[in-house]
Amino acid sequence: MLANLNLCSILEKYCYSKKISEKELDFLERNWFDSLNSMHYNRYPGIAPAIVCDEAGVARGSYWITCNAALLDKIRPLEATKSRNARVLEVLLQSGLVAA
């Protein structure tokens, strides 16, 4: 089933249904981790729609990777470490995609 899904479709589905499987969460987690490395090379990340930004609790017009990190922090919080969203923001700052 995950072969037919991608980050965008999983996040949008979650926003409408408030349901997500462990496999989908694992997929989002891998995508988040991969995004930390690839953001240094991706100069044009995609902007998420308002419903995804609102559900993630981030500003409208935010990147998909920011929404993914924020939603993962809500659904599957990390213990005793910096949040995923904070780590993504650091990478976005370092790559010049957001300003401080």
Protein backbone atom coordinates (compact mmCIF):
# COMPACT_ATOMS: atom_id res chain seq x y z
CA MET A 1 0.00 0.00 0.00
CA LEU A 2 2.80 2.46 0.79
CA ALA A 3 4.13 2.08 -2.73
CA ASN A 4 1.17 4.16 -3.89
CA LEU A 5 1.55 6.78 -1.17
CA ASN A 6 3.94 9.62 -0.68
CA LEU A 7 4.61 12.19 2.00
CA CYS A 8 1.94 14.57 0.69
CA SER A 9 -0.83 12.01 0.39
CA ILE A 10 -0.14 10.52 3.83
CA LEU A 11 -0.16 13.93 5.53
CA GLU A 12 -3.30 15.06 3.69
CA LYS A 13 -5.08 11.80 4.52
CA TYR A 14 -4.17 12.22 8.18
CA CYS A 15 -5.47 15.81 8.22
CA TYR A 16 -8.89 14.68 7.02
CA SER A 17 -9.22 11.38 8.91
CA LYS A 18 -6.98 11.86 11.99
CA LYS A 19 -5.92 8.25 11.41
CA ILE A 20 -2.48 6.97 10.50
CA SER A 21 -0.93 3.51 10.54
CA GLU A 22 2.39 2.55 12.09
CA LYS A 23 3.74 1.82 8.59
CA GLU A 24 2.74 5.30 7.46
CA LEU A 25 4.38 6.82 10.54
CA ASP A 26 7.53 4.84 9.83
CA PHE A 27 7.44 6.11 6.23
CA LEU A 28 7.07 9.72 7.45
CA GLU A 29 9.90 9.19 9.93
CA ARG A 30 12.24 7.92 7.18
CA ASN A 31 11.19 10.83 4.97
CA TRP A 32 11.93 13.30 7.78
CA PHE A 33 15.35 11.81 8.37
CA ASP A 34 16.16 11.82 4.65
CA SER A 35 15.03 15.44 4.37
CA LEU A 36 17.64 16.52 6.92
CA ASN A 37 20.34 15.46 4.49
CA SER A 38 18.70 16.38 1.21
CA MET A 39 17.66 19.93 2.16
CA HIS A 40 21.22 21.06 1.62
CA TYR A 41 20.71 20.14 -2.05
CA ASN A 42 17.00 20.79 -2.60
CA ARG A 43 16.69 24.48 -3.40
CA TYR A 44 12.94 24.36 -4.15
CA PRO A 45 11.04 22.37 -1.49
CA GLY A 46 7.27 22.17 -1.92
CA ILE A 47 4.79 24.30 0.00
CA ALA A 48 2.06 22.43 1.89
CA PRO A 49 -1.61 23.42 1.61
CA ALA A 50 -3.29 25.38 4.40
CA ILE A 51 -5.10 22.37 5.91
CA VAL A 52 -1.81 20.53 6.44
CA CYS A 53 -0.08 23.61 7.88
CA ASP A 54 -3.02 24.24 10.22
CA GLU A 55 -3.12 20.65 11.45
CA ALA A 56 0.66 20.70 11.99
CA GLY A 57 0.42 23.96 13.90
CA VAL A 58 2.83 25.82 11.63
CA ALA A 59 2.39 28.98 9.59
CA ARG A 60 0.43 28.68 6.35
CA GLY A 61 2.82 28.60 3.41
CA SER A 62 5.27 26.32 5.24
CA TYR A 63 7.19 23.57 3.51
CA TRP A 64 5.95 19.98 3.44
CA ILE A 65 9.03 18.87 5.37
CA THR A 66 8.24 21.36 8.15
CA CYS A 67 4.67 20.07 8.36
CA ASN A 68 5.90 16.48 8.39
CA ALA A 69 8.29 17.21 11.26
CA ALA A 70 5.66 19.12 13.27
CA LEU A 71 3.04 16.40 12.82
CA LEU A 72 5.52 13.68 13.77
CA ASP A 73 6.38 15.68 16.88
CA LYS A 74 2.67 15.71 17.79
CA ILE A 75 1.92 12.07 16.93
CA ARG A 76 5.19 10.38 17.88
CA PRO A 77 7.12 12.77 20.14
CA LEU A 78 10.83 12.32 20.74
CA GLU A 79 12.03 11.96 24.31
CA ALA A 80 14.89 13.98 25.74
CA THR A 81 16.12 15.39 22.45
CA LYS A 82 15.56 18.33 20.15
CA SER A 83 12.25 18.18 18.28
CA ARG A 84 12.16 17.14 14.64
CA ASN A 85 10.71 20.52 13.72
CA ALA A 86 13.61 22.36 15.41
CA ARG A 87 16.10 20.17 13.56
CA VAL A 88 14.40 20.82 10.21
CA LEU A 89 14.37 24.55 10.92
CA GLU A 90 18.14 24.44 11.57
CA VAL A 91 18.71 22.77 8.21
CA LEU A 92 16.43 25.25 6.43
CA LEU A 93 18.33 28.14 8.05
CA GLN A 94 21.71 26.65 7.11
CA SER A 95 20.59 26.15 3.51
CA GLY A 96 19.25 29.69 3.27
CA LEU A 97 15.65 28.63 2.63
CA VAL A 98 14.31 30.52 5.66
CA ALA A 99 15.52 33.61 7.45
CA ALA A 100 16.09 33.87 11.18
